[in-house]
């Protein structure tokens, strides 16, 4: 049941459930976030296999970027836009929170999301064909794992909000479960290279979370989404880096 709560929260996939899940029930599903990433990744990999039969690879890459946004309901991308707007300017943490709550996207958010999607598209289009399907699964798995880590490891900024419920439910046990799920994908498909990619994503998540903590006096639900988006791009960039240079057996 908790996995299904995570699936409903993180994607547009709707599965039958008696009644609406409470915020606390959704937050208890935190450990299953990487498993939801597996579902998203398998959908993307399956669509890639079908689309590449009838479309050029560059078009397929663009469609996959769009589909990944649609599958998540734009949840994390919206958080990324709000985070970019909140970072802008010289303001205190409370003023930044208010900017993030504004439903309108500001200039920094628009520029930020454009750059993010551009890098995601170019990186995805540069992944070797032999690694594409595995990378499409690895990307959402490690990004959701990075989000679980950030929720567990860093303080929550605001006195209320759904993100605070997740923070209160975060525990070593949930992080351990999420990490084991991520490793179950990383090791069989990428072996040592996968562990290096996972380590790289962790380093980037730590650096980003530390920076956002200084800006906002902690993390928020929007910054969790921003970390997820940057972690996705980081996976693609790291796979490209290792494959392009033929390091650790990737090519």
Protein backbone atom coordinates (compact mmCIF):
# COMPACT_ATOMS: atom_id res chain seq x y z
CA UNK A 1 0.00 0.00 0.00
CA UNK A 2 2.80 2.44 0.81
CA UNK A 3 4.40 1.82 -2.58
CA UNK A 4 1.07 2.62 -4.23
CA UNK A 5 0.85 5.84 -2.21
CA UNK A 6 4.31 6.79 -3.48
CA UNK A 7 3.31 5.91 -7.05
CA UNK A 8 0.21 8.09 -6.87
CA UNK A 9 2.11 10.99 -5.34
CA UNK A 10 5.11 11.01 -7.67
CA UNK A 11 3.36 10.19 -10.96
CA UNK A 12 0.13 10.70 -12.85
CA UNK A 13 -0.50 6.94 -12.63
CA UNK A 14 -3.71 6.29 -10.73
CA UNK A 15 -4.30 2.97 -9.05
CA UNK A 16 -7.43 2.05 -7.07
CA UNK A 17 -7.47 3.01 -3.41
CA UNK A 18 -10.15 3.25 -0.76
CA UNK A 19 -10.23 6.89 0.24
CA UNK A 20 -7.66 9.58 -0.23
CA UNK A 21 -4.25 9.06 1.35
CA UNK A 22 -3.43 11.48 4.16
CA UNK A 23 -0.19 13.50 4.01
CA UNK A 24 1.22 11.26 6.76
CA UNK A 25 0.43 8.11 4.77
CA UNK A 26 2.09 9.55 1.68
CA UNK A 27 5.15 10.57 3.69
CA UNK A 28 5.51 7.05 5.09
CA UNK A 29 6.04 5.85 1.52
CA UNK A 30 9.36 7.75 1.32
CA UNK A 31 11.48 4.62 1.21
CA UNK A 32 9.73 3.46 -1.95
CA UNK A 33 10.59 6.53 -4.02
CA UNK A 34 13.39 4.77 -5.98
CA UNK A 35 11.01 1.91 -6.76
CA UNK A 36 8.64 4.45 -8.32
CA UNK A 37 11.68 5.60 -10.28
CA UNK A 38 12.03 2.04 -11.60
CA UNK A 39 8.43 2.16 -12.89
CA UNK A 40 9.01 5.53 -14.55
CA UNK A 41 12.28 4.29 -16.04
CA UNK A 42 10.74 1.12 -17.44
CA UNK A 43 7.98 3.15 -19.08
CA UNK A 44 10.56 5.48 -20.63
CA UNK A 45 12.70 2.54 -21.78
CA UNK A 46 9.70 0.81 -23.33
CA UNK A 47 8.63 3.95 -25.15
CA UNK A 48 12.19 4.50 -26.34
CA UNK A 49 12.27 0.98 -27.80
CA UNK A 50 9.01 1.60 -29.67
CA UNK A 51 9.66 5.17 -30.82
CA UNK A 52 13.14 4.51 -32.16
CA UNK A 53 11.60 2.08 -34.67
CA UNK A 54 9.80 4.90 -36.46
CA UNK A 55 11.51 8.19 -35.51
CA UNK A 56 15.01 9.71 -35.61
CA UNK A 57 16.98 9.46 -32.36
CA UNK A 58 16.99 13.24 -31.79
CA UNK A 59 13.19 13.37 -32.00
CA UNK A 60 12.89 10.39 -29.68
CA UNK A 61 15.13 12.12 -27.13
CA UNK A 62 12.95 15.24 -27.22
CA UNK A 63 9.79 13.19 -26.77
CA UNK A 64 11.31 11.30 -23.85
CA UNK A 65 12.12 14.56 -22.07
CA UNK A 66 8.50 15.67 -22.52
CA UNK A 67 7.12 12.29 -21.45
CA UNK A 68 9.25 12.25 -18.30
CA UNK A 69 7.78 15.62 -17.32
CA UNK A 70 4.25 14.40 -18.05
CA UNK A 71 4.71 11.18 -16.08
CA UNK A 72 5.66 13.13 -12.96
CA UNK A 73 2.85 15.61 -13.49
CA UNK A 74 5.45 18.38 -13.63
CA UNK A 75 5.73 18.08 -9.84
CA UNK A 76 9.51 18.31 -9.58
CA UNK A 77 9.91 20.71 -12.48
CA UNK A 78 7.51 23.12 -10.79
CA UNK A 79 9.65 22.93 -7.66
CA UNK A 80 12.75 23.64 -9.72
CA UNK A 81 11.16 26.75 -11.26
CA UNK A 82 10.05 28.04 -7.84
CA UNK A 83 13.49 27.36 -6.39
CA UNK A 84 15.22 29.31 -9.18
CA UNK A 85 12.90 32.25 -8.53
CA UNK A 86 13.53 32.05 -4.79
CA UNK A 87 17.31 32.04 -5.20
CA UNK A 88 17.31 35.29 -7.17
CA UNK A 89 18.16 38.58 -5.51
CA UNK A 90 19.36 39.59 -2.06
CA UNK A 91 16.54 38.61 0.31
CA UNK A 92 16.15 36.93 3.64
CA UNK A 93 14.84 33.37 3.87
CA UNK A 94 11.24 34.37 4.63
CA UNK A 95 11.11 36.66 1.59
CA UNK A 96 12.43 33.83 -0.55
CA UNK A 97 9.67 31.56 0.74
CA UNK A 98 7.08 34.13 -0.31
CA UNK A 99 8.55 34.32 -3.81
CA UNK A 100 8.39 30.54 -4.10
CA UNK A 101 4.71 30.57 -3.13
CA UNK A 102 3.85 32.93 -5.98
CA UNK A 103 2.03 30.89 -8.63
CA UNK A 104 3.57 33.02 -11.39
CA UNK A 105 6.93 31.98 -12.85
CA UNK A 106 9.59 34.68 -12.72
CA UNK A 107 12.42 35.37 -15.15
CA UNK A 108 14.94 33.30 -13.18
CA UNK A 109 12.57 30.33 -13.11
CA UNK A 110 11.93 30.50 -16.85
CA UNK A 111 15.62 30.81 -17.71
CA UNK A 112 16.48 28.05 -15.25
CA UNK A 113 13.97 25.55 -16.60
CA UNK A 114 14.98 26.33 -20.19
CA UNK A 115 18.63 25.62 -19.39
CA UNK A 116 17.72 22.47 -17.44
CA UNK A 117 15.61 20.98 -20.24
CA UNK A 118 18.18 21.96 -22.86
CA UNK A 119 20.99 20.17 -21.00
CA UNK A 120 18.73 17.19 -20.35
CA UNK A 121 17.84 16.90 -24.03
CA UNK A 122 21.41 17.29 -25.33
CA UNK A 123 22.76 14.83 -22.74
CA UNK A 124 20.06 12.27 -23.46
CA UNK A 125 20.67 12.60 -27.19
CA UNK A 126 24.38 11.89 -26.56
CA UNK A 127 23.95 8.65 -24.61
CA UNK A 128 25.31 5.66 -26.58
CA UNK A 129 22.53 3.46 -27.97
CA UNK A 130 23.87 0.46 -26.06
CA UNK A 131 23.40 2.29 -22.75
CA UNK A 132 20.20 4.17 -23.48
CA UNK A 133 17.61 1.83 -21.99
CA UNK A 134 19.63 1.19 -18.85
CA UNK A 135 20.26 4.92 -18.43
CA UNK A 136 16.55 5.71 -18.80
CA UNK A 137 15.89 3.46 -15.80
CA UNK A 138 18.89 4.62 -13.79
CA UNK A 139 18.03 8.32 -14.18
CA UNK A 140 14.68 8.39 -12.29
CA UNK A 141 15.87 5.84 -9.74
CA UNK A 142 18.94 7.78 -8.59
CA UNK A 143 17.14 11.13 -8.72
CA UNK A 144 14.40 9.86 -6.38
CA UNK A 145 17.04 8.31 -4.15
CA UNK A 146 18.85 11.66 -3.98
CA UNK A 147 15.60 13.29 -2.96
CA UNK A 148 15.12 10.77 -0.13
CA UNK A 149 18.65 11.50 1.08
CA UNK A 150 18.07 15.27 1.03
CA UNK A 151 14.82 14.93 2.97
CA UNK A 152 16.53 12.79 5.61
CA UNK A 153 19.84 14.63 5.94
CA UNK A 154 18.85 18.32 5.92
CA UNK A 155 16.52 20.38 8.12
CA UNK A 156 13.19 21.59 6.84
CA UNK A 157 12.94 25.36 6.54
CA UNK A 158 9.30 26.25 7.02
CA UNK A 159 7.14 25.67 10.11
CA UNK A 160 4.46 23.89 8.07
CA UNK A 161 3.80 22.30 4.70
CA UNK A 162 3.74 18.85 3.12
CA UNK A 163 7.53 18.82 3.03
CA UNK A 164 7.63 19.02 6.82
CA UNK A 165 5.48 15.89 7.06
CA UNK A 166 8.00 14.08 4.85
CA UNK A 167 10.84 15.35 7.01
CA UNK A 168 9.16 14.09 10.18
CA UNK A 169 8.64 10.65 8.64
CA UNK A 170 12.19 10.38 7.30
CA UNK A 171 14.40 7.85 9.09
CA UNK A 172 17.57 5.82 8.71
CA UNK A 173 15.44 2.79 7.91
CA UNK A 174 13.64 4.49 5.01
CA UNK A 175 16.93 5.84 3.65
CA UNK A 176 18.46 2.36 3.90
CA UNK A 177 15.53 0.81 2.03
CA UNK A 178 15.75 3.48 -0.67
CA UNK A 179 19.52 2.99 -0.98
CA UNK A 180 19.22 -0.79 -1.33
CA UNK A 181 16.58 -0.36 -4.04
CA UNK A 182 18.85 2.05 -5.90
CA UNK A 183 21.82 -0.31 -5.62
CA UNK A 184 19.67 -3.16 -6.95
CA UNK A 185 19.40 -1.19 -10.20
CA UNK A 186 22.88 0.33 -10.27
CA UNK A 187 25.05 -2.75 -9.72
CA UNK A 188 23.53 -5.31 -12.15
CA UNK A 189 23.40 -2.87 -15.08
CA UNK A 190 26.42 -0.63 -14.56
CA UNK A 191 28.64 -2.45 -12.03
CA UNK A 192 31.57 -0.28 -10.86
CA UNK A 193 30.62 2.53 -13.22
CA UNK A 194 27.18 2.58 -11.61
CA UNK A 195 28.65 3.03 -8.15
CA UNK A 196 30.76 5.92 -9.45
CA UNK A 197 27.65 7.50 -10.99
CA UNK A 198 25.73 7.03 -7.75
CA UNK A 199 28.58 8.60 -5.78
CA UNK A 200 28.69 11.51 -8.22
CA UNK A 201 24.96 12.09 -7.88
CA UNK A 202 25.31 12.02 -4.09
CA UNK A 203 28.12 14.60 -4.16
CA UNK A 204 26.06 16.90 -6.39
CA UNK A 205 22.99 16.44 -4.19
CA UNK A 206 25.01 17.25 -1.06
CA UNK A 207 26.51 20.37 -2.64
CA UNK A 208 23.14 21.57 -3.92
CA UNK A 209 21.33 20.85 -0.64
CA UNK A 210 24.01 22.69 1.35
CA UNK A 211 23.71 25.71 -0.95
CA UNK A 212 19.90 25.75 -0.77
CA UNK A 213 20.02 25.35 2.99
CA UNK A 214 22.01 28.58 3.26
CA UNK A 215 19.63 30.40 0.94
CA UNK A 216 16.38 29.23 2.55
CA UNK A 217 17.48 28.39 6.13
CA UNK A 218 16.72 24.76 5.33
CA UNK A 219 15.05 22.83 2.55
CA UNK A 220 11.43 22.94 1.38
CA UNK A 221 9.18 20.83 -0.81
CA UNK A 222 10.16 22.94 -3.82
CA UNK A 223 13.86 22.43 -3.21
CA UNK A 224 13.31 18.67 -2.95
CA UNK A 225 11.87 18.82 -6.46
CA UNK A 226 14.79 20.94 -7.66
CA UNK A 227 17.27 18.41 -6.27
CA UNK A 228 15.42 15.64 -8.10
CA UNK A 229 15.63 17.51 -11.41
CA UNK A 230 19.33 18.33 -11.07
CA UNK A 231 20.06 14.73 -10.03
CA UNK A 232 18.36 13.48 -13.22
CA UNK A 233 20.54 15.71 -15.38
CA UNK A 234 23.59 14.67 -13.35
CA UNK A 235 22.99 11.00 -14.14
CA UNK A 236 22.86 11.78 -17.86
CA UNK A 237 25.99 13.93 -17.73
CA UNK A 238 27.94 11.34 -15.75
CA UNK A 239 26.97 8.53 -18.12
CA UNK A 240 28.01 10.74 -21.06
CA UNK A 241 31.31 11.56 -19.35
CA UNK A 242 32.21 7.94 -18.63
CA UNK A 243 31.02 6.63 -21.99
CA UNK A 244 32.65 9.38 -24.07
CA UNK A 245 36.02 8.76 -22.42
CA UNK A 246 35.46 4.98 -22.23
CA UNK A 247 36.15 4.98 -18.51
CA UNK A 248 35.23 2.05 -16.27
CA UNK A 249 34.14 -0.05 -19.23
CA UNK A 250 31.34 2.20 -20.45
CA UNK A 251 31.20 2.87 -24.19
